[in-house]
């Protein structure tokens, strides 16, 4: 998506990434409204970047509040089991191949995606938790009946479910 304005009348003007900034604003507001994480955490950033990418790549952000149809679309795109990672890579590739000059929105989206892919965060390993507390035999040393197992996971794998939950709470 092309920026909405640029400074200067010539071709050497500064391009302003309005679509990305709007997508990031909406993502930030969704997460803050849900009050799921403190804004200063890496988990919050992962959720914000995953949501911003989803908003931006689903044909850009909208001005003002997100309409209900867009919220439903975001809910479907971020749902568990969807091929979100593949969808992001395909959409970024398509935008990069589009004709035109340098796109500052795409540049910021690619930076966010690179951070989500390359950064690993320590998170609970939900597959290794084992039996639920009410299913345990009660002979564990942990008072909750569970031992917390943590693994390093790409930031997008933590941010995407966080963003999905924030959409549901919106």
N, C-alpha and C. Protein backbone atom coordinates (compact mmCIF):
# COMPACT_ATOMS: atom_id res chain seq x y z
N UNK A 1 0.85 -1.16 0.00
CA UNK A 1 0.00 0.00 0.00
C UNK A 1 0.90 1.23 0.00
N UNK A 2 0.61 2.15 -0.83
CA UNK A 2 1.40 3.37 -0.94
C UNK A 2 1.08 4.31 0.21
N UNK A 3 2.06 5.11 0.63
CA UNK A 3 1.82 6.07 1.70
C UNK A 3 0.78 7.10 1.28
N UNK A 4 0.08 7.63 2.24
CA UNK A 4 -0.97 8.60 1.93
C UNK A 4 -0.42 9.98 1.62
N UNK A 5 0.76 10.28 2.07
CA UNK A 5 1.34 11.59 1.76
C UNK A 5 2.85 11.50 1.78
N UNK A 6 3.48 12.45 1.16
CA UNK A 6 4.93 12.54 1.24
C UNK A 6 5.30 14.01 1.23
N UNK A 7 6.45 14.30 1.81
CA UNK A 7 6.92 15.68 1.87
C UNK A 7 7.67 16.00 0.59
N UNK A 8 7.40 17.14 0.05
CA UNK A 8 8.09 17.57 -1.18
C UNK A 8 7.29 17.22 -2.40
N UNK A 9 7.43 18.01 -3.42
CA UNK A 9 6.67 17.81 -4.65
C UNK A 9 7.42 16.91 -5.63
N UNK A 10 8.71 16.79 -5.49
CA UNK A 10 9.50 15.98 -6.42
C UNK A 10 9.55 14.53 -6.02
N UNK A 11 10.25 13.75 -6.82
CA UNK A 11 10.34 12.32 -6.54
C UNK A 11 11.31 12.01 -5.41
N UNK A 12 12.05 13.00 -4.95
CA UNK A 12 13.00 12.77 -3.87
C UNK A 12 12.42 13.02 -2.50
N UNK A 13 11.08 13.12 -2.39
CA UNK A 13 10.44 13.42 -1.11
C UNK A 13 10.50 12.26 -0.14
N UNK A 14 10.27 12.56 1.10
CA UNK A 14 10.27 11.57 2.17
C UNK A 14 8.95 10.82 2.16
N UNK A 15 9.00 9.50 2.05
CA UNK A 15 7.79 8.68 2.07
C UNK A 15 7.44 8.35 3.52
N UNK A 16 6.18 8.53 3.86
CA UNK A 16 5.70 8.29 5.22
C UNK A 16 4.91 6.99 5.26
N UNK A 17 5.28 6.04 6.12
CA UNK A 17 4.60 4.73 6.16
C UNK A 17 3.28 4.78 6.92
N UNK A 18 2.30 5.46 6.37
CA UNK A 18 1.03 5.66 7.06
C UNK A 18 0.25 4.36 7.27
N UNK A 19 0.25 3.46 6.29
CA UNK A 19 -0.50 2.20 6.43
C UNK A 19 0.08 1.36 7.57
N UNK A 20 1.41 1.27 7.63
CA UNK A 20 2.03 0.48 8.71
C UNK A 20 1.79 1.13 10.06
N UNK A 21 1.93 2.43 10.12
CA UNK A 21 1.73 3.12 11.40
C UNK A 21 0.30 2.96 11.89
N UNK A 22 -0.67 2.98 10.98
CA UNK A 22 -2.07 2.79 11.35
C UNK A 22 -2.30 1.35 11.83
N UNK A 23 -1.72 0.37 11.14
CA UNK A 23 -1.85 -1.03 11.54
C UNK A 23 -1.24 -1.25 12.92
N UNK A 24 -0.08 -0.67 13.15
CA UNK A 24 0.59 -0.81 14.44
C UNK A 24 -0.22 -0.15 15.56
N UNK A 25 -0.83 0.99 15.26
CA UNK A 25 -1.67 1.68 16.24
C UNK A 25 -2.87 0.80 16.63
N UNK A 26 -3.56 0.22 15.63
CA UNK A 26 -4.71 -0.63 15.92
C UNK A 26 -4.29 -1.86 16.73
N UNK A 27 -3.17 -2.45 16.37
CA UNK A 27 -2.68 -3.63 17.10
C UNK A 27 -2.36 -3.27 18.55
N UNK A 28 -1.72 -2.13 18.74
CA UNK A 28 -1.38 -1.67 20.09
C UNK A 28 -2.65 -1.45 20.91
N UNK A 29 -3.65 -0.81 20.31
CA UNK A 29 -4.90 -0.55 21.01
C UNK A 29 -5.63 -1.84 21.38
N UNK A 30 -5.63 -2.81 20.47
CA UNK A 30 -6.27 -4.10 20.77
C UNK A 30 -5.62 -4.77 21.97
N UNK A 31 -4.29 -4.76 22.01
CA UNK A 31 -3.58 -5.41 23.12
C UNK A 31 -3.76 -4.63 24.43
N UNK A 32 -3.73 -3.31 24.35
CA UNK A 32 -3.92 -2.52 25.58
C UNK A 32 -5.33 -2.67 26.12
N UNK A 33 -6.31 -2.73 25.23
CA UNK A 33 -7.70 -2.90 25.67
C UNK A 33 -7.88 -4.24 26.36
N UNK A 34 -7.23 -5.28 25.83
CA UNK A 34 -7.32 -6.61 26.44
C UNK A 34 -6.60 -6.71 27.77
N UNK A 35 -5.64 -5.81 28.02
CA UNK A 35 -4.88 -5.77 29.27
C UNK A 35 -4.29 -7.14 29.61
N UNK A 36 -3.68 -7.78 28.60
CA UNK A 36 -3.12 -9.11 28.78
C UNK A 36 -1.67 -9.10 29.23
N UNK A 37 -0.93 -8.10 28.82
CA UNK A 37 0.51 -8.00 29.11
C UNK A 37 0.85 -6.55 29.40
N UNK A 38 1.91 -6.37 30.13
CA UNK A 38 2.43 -5.02 30.32
C UNK A 38 3.05 -4.56 29.01
N UNK A 39 2.79 -3.34 28.58
CA UNK A 39 3.30 -2.85 27.29
C UNK A 39 4.81 -2.86 27.14
N UNK A 40 5.56 -2.90 28.23
CA UNK A 40 7.02 -2.86 28.14
C UNK A 40 7.64 -4.24 27.93
N UNK A 41 6.84 -5.30 27.84
CA UNK A 41 7.40 -6.65 27.73
C UNK A 41 7.63 -7.06 26.28
N UNK A 42 8.52 -8.02 26.10
CA UNK A 42 8.76 -8.57 24.76
C UNK A 42 7.55 -9.34 24.26
N UNK A 43 6.80 -9.94 25.17
CA UNK A 43 5.59 -10.66 24.78
C UNK A 43 4.57 -9.70 24.17
N UNK A 44 4.43 -8.51 24.77
CA UNK A 44 3.52 -7.49 24.23
C UNK A 44 3.98 -7.10 22.83
N UNK A 45 5.28 -6.88 22.66
CA UNK A 45 5.80 -6.51 21.34
C UNK A 45 5.51 -7.61 20.32
N UNK A 46 5.68 -8.86 20.73
CA UNK A 46 5.41 -9.98 19.82
C UNK A 46 3.94 -9.98 19.40
N UNK A 47 3.06 -9.76 20.35
CA UNK A 47 1.63 -9.70 20.03
C UNK A 47 1.29 -8.52 19.14
N UNK A 48 1.87 -7.36 19.45
CA UNK A 48 1.61 -6.16 18.65
C UNK A 48 2.12 -6.32 17.23
N UNK A 49 3.34 -6.84 17.08
CA UNK A 49 3.89 -7.02 15.73
C UNK A 49 3.11 -8.06 14.93
N UNK A 50 2.70 -9.15 15.58
CA UNK A 50 1.92 -10.18 14.87
C UNK A 50 0.57 -9.61 14.43
N UNK A 51 -0.07 -8.86 15.31
CA UNK A 51 -1.35 -8.25 14.94
C UNK A 51 -1.18 -7.17 13.88
N UNK A 52 -0.15 -6.35 14.00
CA UNK A 52 0.09 -5.30 13.02
C UNK A 52 0.35 -5.90 11.64
N UNK A 53 1.13 -6.97 11.58
CA UNK A 53 1.36 -7.65 10.31
C UNK A 53 0.06 -8.18 9.73
N UNK A 54 -0.76 -8.76 10.57
CA UNK A 54 -2.03 -9.32 10.11
C UNK A 54 -2.93 -8.22 9.56
N UNK A 55 -3.02 -7.11 10.29
CA UNK A 55 -3.85 -5.98 9.83
C UNK A 55 -3.30 -5.41 8.54
N UNK A 56 -2.00 -5.17 8.49
CA UNK A 56 -1.37 -4.57 7.31
C UNK A 56 -1.49 -5.47 6.08
N UNK A 57 -1.22 -6.76 6.25
CA UNK A 57 -1.22 -7.67 5.11
C UNK A 57 -2.62 -8.08 4.66
N UNK A 58 -3.61 -7.84 5.50
CA UNK A 58 -4.99 -8.12 5.08
C UNK A 58 -5.57 -6.87 4.43
N UNK A 59 -4.79 -6.29 3.53
CA UNK A 59 -5.16 -5.12 2.74
C UNK A 59 -5.13 -3.82 3.52
N UNK A 60 -4.24 -3.73 4.46
CA UNK A 60 -3.97 -2.46 5.13
C UNK A 60 -4.93 -2.14 6.25
N UNK A 61 -4.53 -1.16 7.02
CA UNK A 61 -5.32 -0.72 8.17
C UNK A 61 -6.40 0.25 7.72
N UNK A 62 -7.37 0.44 8.56
CA UNK A 62 -8.44 1.39 8.27
C UNK A 62 -8.31 2.56 9.23
N UNK A 63 -8.78 3.70 8.79
CA UNK A 63 -8.77 4.88 9.67
C UNK A 63 -9.88 4.74 10.70
N UNK A 64 -9.68 5.28 11.85
CA UNK A 64 -10.70 5.22 12.90
C UNK A 64 -10.73 3.85 13.56
N UNK A 65 -11.88 3.50 14.12
CA UNK A 65 -12.04 2.23 14.81
C UNK A 65 -12.13 1.08 13.81
N UNK A 66 -11.74 -0.10 14.25
CA UNK A 66 -11.85 -1.29 13.39
C UNK A 66 -13.32 -1.69 13.29
N UNK A 67 -13.84 -1.83 12.06
CA UNK A 67 -15.23 -2.28 11.92
C UNK A 67 -15.35 -3.75 12.32
N UNK A 68 -16.56 -4.16 12.67
CA UNK A 68 -16.80 -5.53 13.13
C UNK A 68 -16.39 -6.55 12.09
N UNK A 69 -16.56 -6.25 10.81
CA UNK A 69 -16.17 -7.20 9.77
C UNK A 69 -14.67 -7.43 9.77
N UNK A 70 -13.90 -6.38 10.02
CA UNK A 70 -12.44 -6.52 10.09
C UNK A 70 -12.04 -7.32 11.33
N UNK A 71 -12.72 -7.12 12.44
CA UNK A 71 -12.41 -7.87 13.65
C UNK A 71 -12.65 -9.35 13.42
N UNK A 72 -13.75 -9.69 12.75
CA UNK A 72 -14.04 -11.09 12.43
C UNK A 72 -12.97 -11.68 11.52
N UNK A 73 -12.52 -10.89 10.53
CA UNK A 73 -11.48 -11.34 9.62
C UNK A 73 -10.17 -11.59 10.38
N UNK A 74 -9.81 -10.68 11.29
CA UNK A 74 -8.59 -10.84 12.08
C UNK A 74 -8.69 -12.07 12.97
N UNK A 75 -9.86 -12.31 13.52
CA UNK A 75 -10.07 -13.48 14.38
C UNK A 75 -9.83 -14.77 13.59
N UNK A 76 -10.31 -14.82 12.35
CA UNK A 76 -10.11 -16.00 11.51
C UNK A 76 -8.65 -16.17 11.10
N UNK A 77 -7.98 -15.06 10.76
CA UNK A 77 -6.59 -15.13 10.31
C UNK A 77 -5.63 -15.56 11.42
N UNK A 78 -5.95 -15.23 12.66
CA UNK A 78 -5.05 -15.52 13.77
C UNK A 78 -5.45 -16.76 14.57
N UNK A 79 -6.48 -17.47 14.13
CA UNK A 79 -6.97 -18.64 14.87
C UNK A 79 -5.93 -19.75 14.91
N UNK A 80 -5.97 -20.54 15.96
CA UNK A 80 -5.05 -21.67 16.13
C UNK A 80 -5.24 -22.64 14.97
N UNK A 81 -4.13 -23.10 14.42
CA UNK A 81 -4.17 -24.08 13.35
C UNK A 81 -4.20 -23.49 11.95
N UNK A 82 -4.33 -22.19 11.84
CA UNK A 82 -4.30 -21.58 10.51
C UNK A 82 -2.85 -21.46 10.05
N UNK A 83 -2.62 -21.48 8.75
CA UNK A 83 -1.25 -21.36 8.23
C UNK A 83 -0.79 -19.90 8.20
N UNK A 84 -0.82 -19.24 9.35
CA UNK A 84 -0.53 -17.81 9.43
C UNK A 84 0.88 -17.49 8.93
N UNK A 85 1.86 -18.27 9.34
CA UNK A 85 3.24 -18.00 8.95
C UNK A 85 3.39 -18.05 7.43
N UNK A 86 2.84 -19.08 6.81
CA UNK A 86 2.91 -19.20 5.35
C UNK A 86 2.17 -18.03 4.68
N UNK A 87 1.02 -17.66 5.22
CA UNK A 87 0.23 -16.55 4.68
C UNK A 87 1.05 -15.26 4.73
N UNK A 88 1.73 -15.00 5.85
CA UNK A 88 2.55 -13.80 5.99
C UNK A 88 3.67 -13.80 4.95
N UNK A 89 4.37 -14.91 4.81
CA UNK A 89 5.48 -15.00 3.84
C UNK A 89 4.98 -14.78 2.42
N UNK A 90 3.84 -15.37 2.07
CA UNK A 90 3.28 -15.20 0.73
C UNK A 90 2.89 -13.75 0.48
N UNK A 91 2.23 -13.13 1.44
CA UNK A 91 1.78 -11.74 1.27
C UNK A 91 2.96 -10.77 1.19
N UNK A 92 3.97 -10.98 2.04
CA UNK A 92 5.16 -10.13 1.97
C UNK A 92 5.87 -10.29 0.64
N UNK A 93 5.95 -11.52 0.14
CA UNK A 93 6.57 -11.77 -1.15
C UNK A 93 5.81 -11.10 -2.29
N UNK A 94 4.49 -11.17 -2.23
CA UNK A 94 3.67 -10.54 -3.27
C UNK A 94 3.83 -9.03 -3.25
N UNK A 95 3.88 -8.44 -2.07
CA UNK A 95 4.05 -6.98 -1.98
C UNK A 95 5.44 -6.57 -2.45
N UNK A 96 6.45 -7.37 -2.16
CA UNK A 96 7.81 -7.05 -2.58
C UNK A 96 7.94 -7.12 -4.10
N UNK A 97 7.18 -8.03 -4.74
CA UNK A 97 7.25 -8.20 -6.18
C UNK A 97 6.41 -7.17 -6.94
N UNK A 98 5.57 -6.44 -6.24
CA UNK A 98 4.71 -5.45 -6.88
C UNK A 98 5.55 -4.32 -7.47
N UNK A 99 5.13 -3.80 -8.62
CA UNK A 99 5.88 -2.70 -9.22
C UNK A 99 5.77 -1.42 -8.38
N UNK A 100 6.73 -0.57 -8.54
CA UNK A 100 6.73 0.69 -7.79
C UNK A 100 8.08 0.89 -7.13
N UNK A 101 8.21 2.05 -6.57
CA UNK A 101 9.46 2.40 -5.91
C UNK A 101 9.54 1.82 -4.52
N UNK A 102 10.45 2.32 -3.72
CA UNK A 102 10.59 1.83 -2.34
C UNK A 102 9.32 2.10 -1.54
N UNK A 103 8.89 1.11 -0.83
CA UNK A 103 7.67 1.22 -0.03
C UNK A 103 8.05 1.20 1.45
N UNK A 104 7.94 2.34 2.14
CA UNK A 104 8.34 2.39 3.55
C UNK A 104 7.45 1.50 4.44
N UNK A 105 6.17 1.30 4.05
CA UNK A 105 5.29 0.42 4.81
C UNK A 105 5.82 -1.01 4.76
N UNK A 106 6.15 -1.45 3.57
CA UNK A 106 6.67 -2.81 3.39
C UNK A 106 7.99 -2.98 4.13
N UNK A 107 8.83 -1.97 4.11
CA UNK A 107 10.12 -2.05 4.81
C UNK A 107 9.90 -2.27 6.31
N UNK A 108 8.97 -1.54 6.91
CA UNK A 108 8.70 -1.70 8.34
C UNK A 108 8.03 -3.05 8.63
N UNK A 109 7.17 -3.50 7.73
CA UNK A 109 6.53 -4.81 7.91
C UNK A 109 7.58 -5.92 7.86
N UNK A 110 8.54 -5.79 6.96
CA UNK A 110 9.60 -6.80 6.86
C UNK A 110 10.50 -6.79 8.09
N UNK A 111 10.76 -5.63 8.65
CA UNK A 111 11.55 -5.54 9.89
C UNK A 111 10.81 -6.24 11.03
N UNK A 112 9.49 -5.99 11.12
CA UNK A 112 8.69 -6.63 12.17
C UNK A 112 8.69 -8.15 11.99
N UNK A 113 8.54 -8.61 10.75
CA UNK A 113 8.53 -10.05 10.49
C UNK A 113 9.88 -10.68 10.82
N UNK A 114 10.96 -10.01 10.45
CA UNK A 114 12.29 -10.53 10.76
C UNK A 114 12.47 -10.65 12.27
N UNK A 115 12.00 -9.66 13.02
CA UNK A 115 12.12 -9.73 14.48
C UNK A 115 11.28 -10.89 15.02
N UNK A 116 10.07 -11.06 14.52
CA UNK A 116 9.21 -12.15 14.98
C UNK A 116 9.80 -13.53 14.66
N UNK A 117 10.47 -13.65 13.53
CA UNK A 117 11.07 -14.91 13.11
C UNK A 117 12.36 -15.22 13.86
N UNK A 118 13.20 -14.21 14.04
CA UNK A 118 14.54 -14.44 14.57
C UNK A 118 14.65 -14.35 16.08
N UNK A 119 13.71 -13.72 16.73
CA UNK A 119 13.75 -13.57 18.18
C UNK A 119 13.04 -14.75 18.83
N UNK A 120 13.68 -15.34 19.82
CA UNK A 120 13.07 -16.44 20.55
C UNK A 120 12.78 -15.99 21.97
N UNK A 121 11.60 -16.36 22.44
CA UNK A 121 11.17 -16.02 23.79
C UNK A 121 10.95 -17.30 24.58
N UNK A 122 11.20 -17.24 25.88
CA UNK A 122 10.99 -18.39 26.75
C UNK A 122 9.50 -18.44 27.12
N UNK A 123 8.87 -19.55 26.79
CA UNK A 123 7.44 -19.68 27.04
C UNK A 123 7.13 -21.08 27.56
N UNK A 124 5.98 -21.22 28.15
CA UNK A 124 5.55 -22.53 28.65
C UNK A 124 5.37 -23.47 27.48
N UNK A 125 5.84 -24.70 27.63
CA UNK A 125 5.67 -25.73 26.61
C UNK A 125 4.34 -26.41 26.89
N UNK A 126 3.32 -25.99 26.17
CA UNK A 126 1.97 -26.49 26.43
C UNK A 126 1.83 -27.97 26.10
N UNK A 127 2.66 -28.49 25.22
CA UNK A 127 2.59 -29.90 24.87
C UNK A 127 3.24 -30.79 25.93
N UNK A 128 4.12 -30.22 26.76
CA UNK A 128 4.84 -31.03 27.74
C UNK A 128 4.28 -30.87 29.15
N UNK A 129 3.21 -30.14 29.31
CA UNK A 129 2.69 -29.90 30.66
C UNK A 129 2.19 -31.19 31.30
N UNK A 130 1.61 -32.09 30.53
CA UNK A 130 1.17 -33.36 31.08
C UNK A 130 -0.27 -33.31 31.52
N UNK A 131 -0.63 -34.15 32.49
CA UNK A 131 -2.03 -34.24 32.90
C UNK A 131 -2.50 -32.95 33.58
N UNK A 132 -3.77 -32.71 33.45
CA UNK A 132 -4.36 -31.55 34.09
C UNK A 132 -4.42 -31.77 35.60
N UNK A 133 -4.48 -30.70 36.41
CA UNK A 133 -4.43 -30.87 37.86
C UNK A 133 -5.48 -31.83 38.41
N UNK A 134 -6.67 -31.84 37.85
CA UNK A 134 -7.71 -32.71 38.36
C UNK A 134 -7.55 -34.15 37.87
N UNK A 135 -6.60 -34.39 36.92
CA UNK A 135 -6.34 -35.72 36.43
C UNK A 135 -5.11 -36.35 37.09
N UNK A 136 -4.35 -35.58 37.88
CA UNK A 136 -3.11 -36.10 38.45
C UNK A 136 -3.38 -37.02 39.63
N UNK A 137 -2.38 -37.84 39.90
CA UNK A 137 -2.50 -38.80 41.00
C UNK A 137 -2.31 -38.15 42.36
N UNK A 138 -1.77 -36.94 42.38
CA UNK A 138 -1.60 -36.22 43.63
C UNK A 138 -0.30 -36.52 44.33
N UNK A 139 0.61 -37.25 43.71
CA UNK A 139 1.87 -37.59 44.38
C UNK A 139 3.04 -36.73 43.93
N UNK A 140 2.78 -35.65 43.19
CA UNK A 140 3.86 -34.75 42.78
C UNK A 140 4.26 -33.85 43.93
N UNK A 141 5.48 -33.34 43.86
CA UNK A 141 5.97 -32.46 44.91
C UNK A 141 5.43 -31.04 44.75
N UNK A 142 5.12 -30.63 43.51
CA UNK A 142 4.60 -29.30 43.24
C UNK A 142 3.18 -29.22 43.80
N UNK A 143 2.86 -28.18 44.59
CA UNK A 143 1.52 -28.10 45.18
C UNK A 143 0.42 -28.01 44.13
N UNK A 144 0.72 -27.50 42.95
CA UNK A 144 -0.30 -27.42 41.91
C UNK A 144 -0.42 -28.72 41.14
N UNK A 145 0.46 -29.66 41.40
CA UNK A 145 0.44 -30.92 40.69
C UNK A 145 1.07 -30.82 39.31
N UNK A 146 1.73 -29.72 39.00
CA UNK A 146 2.31 -29.51 37.68
C UNK A 146 3.72 -28.97 37.82
N UNK A 147 4.57 -29.39 36.93
CA UNK A 147 5.91 -28.83 36.85
C UNK A 147 5.94 -27.99 35.58
N UNK A 148 6.35 -26.74 35.70
CA UNK A 148 6.37 -25.85 34.55
C UNK A 148 7.57 -26.16 33.67
N UNK A 149 7.30 -26.51 32.43
CA UNK A 149 8.33 -26.77 31.45
C UNK A 149 8.32 -25.61 30.47
N UNK A 150 9.49 -25.05 30.23
CA UNK A 150 9.57 -23.91 29.33
C UNK A 150 10.51 -24.24 28.18
N UNK A 151 10.20 -23.67 27.03
CA UNK A 151 11.01 -23.85 25.83
C UNK A 151 11.20 -22.50 25.15
N UNK A 152 12.26 -22.41 24.35
CA UNK A 152 12.48 -21.22 23.54
C UNK A 152 11.67 -21.37 22.27
N UNK A 153 10.90 -20.36 21.96
CA UNK A 153 10.01 -20.41 20.80
C UNK A 153 10.11 -19.10 20.02
N UNK A 154 9.96 -19.15 18.69
CA UNK A 154 9.98 -17.91 17.93
C UNK A 154 8.90 -16.95 18.44
N UNK A 155 9.20 -15.68 18.44
CA UNK A 155 8.30 -14.68 19.00
C UNK A 155 6.92 -14.71 18.36
N UNK A 156 6.83 -15.02 17.08
CA UNK A 156 5.52 -15.03 16.44
C UNK A 156 4.63 -16.12 17.00
N UNK A 157 5.22 -17.25 17.46
CA UNK A 157 4.41 -18.34 18.01
C UNK A 157 3.82 -17.98 19.36
N UNK A 158 4.40 -17.00 20.02
CA UNK A 158 3.85 -16.50 21.27
C UNK A 158 2.93 -15.30 21.01
N UNK A 159 3.33 -14.45 20.07
CA UNK A 159 2.57 -13.23 19.78
C UNK A 159 1.24 -13.48 19.10
N UNK A 160 1.19 -14.49 18.23
CA UNK A 160 -0.04 -14.75 17.49
C UNK A 160 -1.21 -15.15 18.40
N UNK A 161 -1.03 -16.12 19.31
CA UNK A 161 -2.15 -16.44 20.21
C UNK A 161 -2.51 -15.28 21.15
N UNK A 162 -1.51 -14.51 21.54
CA UNK A 162 -1.77 -13.35 22.38
C UNK A 162 -2.63 -12.34 21.62
N UNK A 163 -2.29 -12.11 20.36
CA UNK A 163 -3.08 -11.21 19.52
C UNK A 163 -4.48 -11.75 19.30
N UNK A 164 -4.60 -13.05 19.08
CA UNK A 164 -5.91 -13.67 18.87
C UNK A 164 -6.80 -13.48 20.11
N UNK A 165 -6.22 -13.68 21.28
CA UNK A 165 -6.98 -13.50 22.52
C UNK A 165 -7.40 -12.04 22.68
N UNK A 166 -6.51 -11.12 22.34
CA UNK A 166 -6.85 -9.69 22.44
C UNK A 166 -8.00 -9.33 21.50
N UNK A 167 -8.05 -9.95 20.33
CA UNK A 167 -9.16 -9.72 19.40
C UNK A 167 -10.46 -10.20 20.01
N UNK A 168 -10.43 -11.35 20.65
CA UNK A 168 -11.65 -11.88 21.29
C UNK A 168 -12.13 -10.98 22.42
N UNK A 169 -11.20 -10.32 23.11
CA UNK A 169 -11.57 -9.47 24.23
C UNK A 169 -11.99 -8.07 23.79
N UNK A 170 -11.81 -7.76 22.52
CA UNK A 170 -12.11 -6.42 21.98
C UNK A 170 -13.58 -6.13 21.99
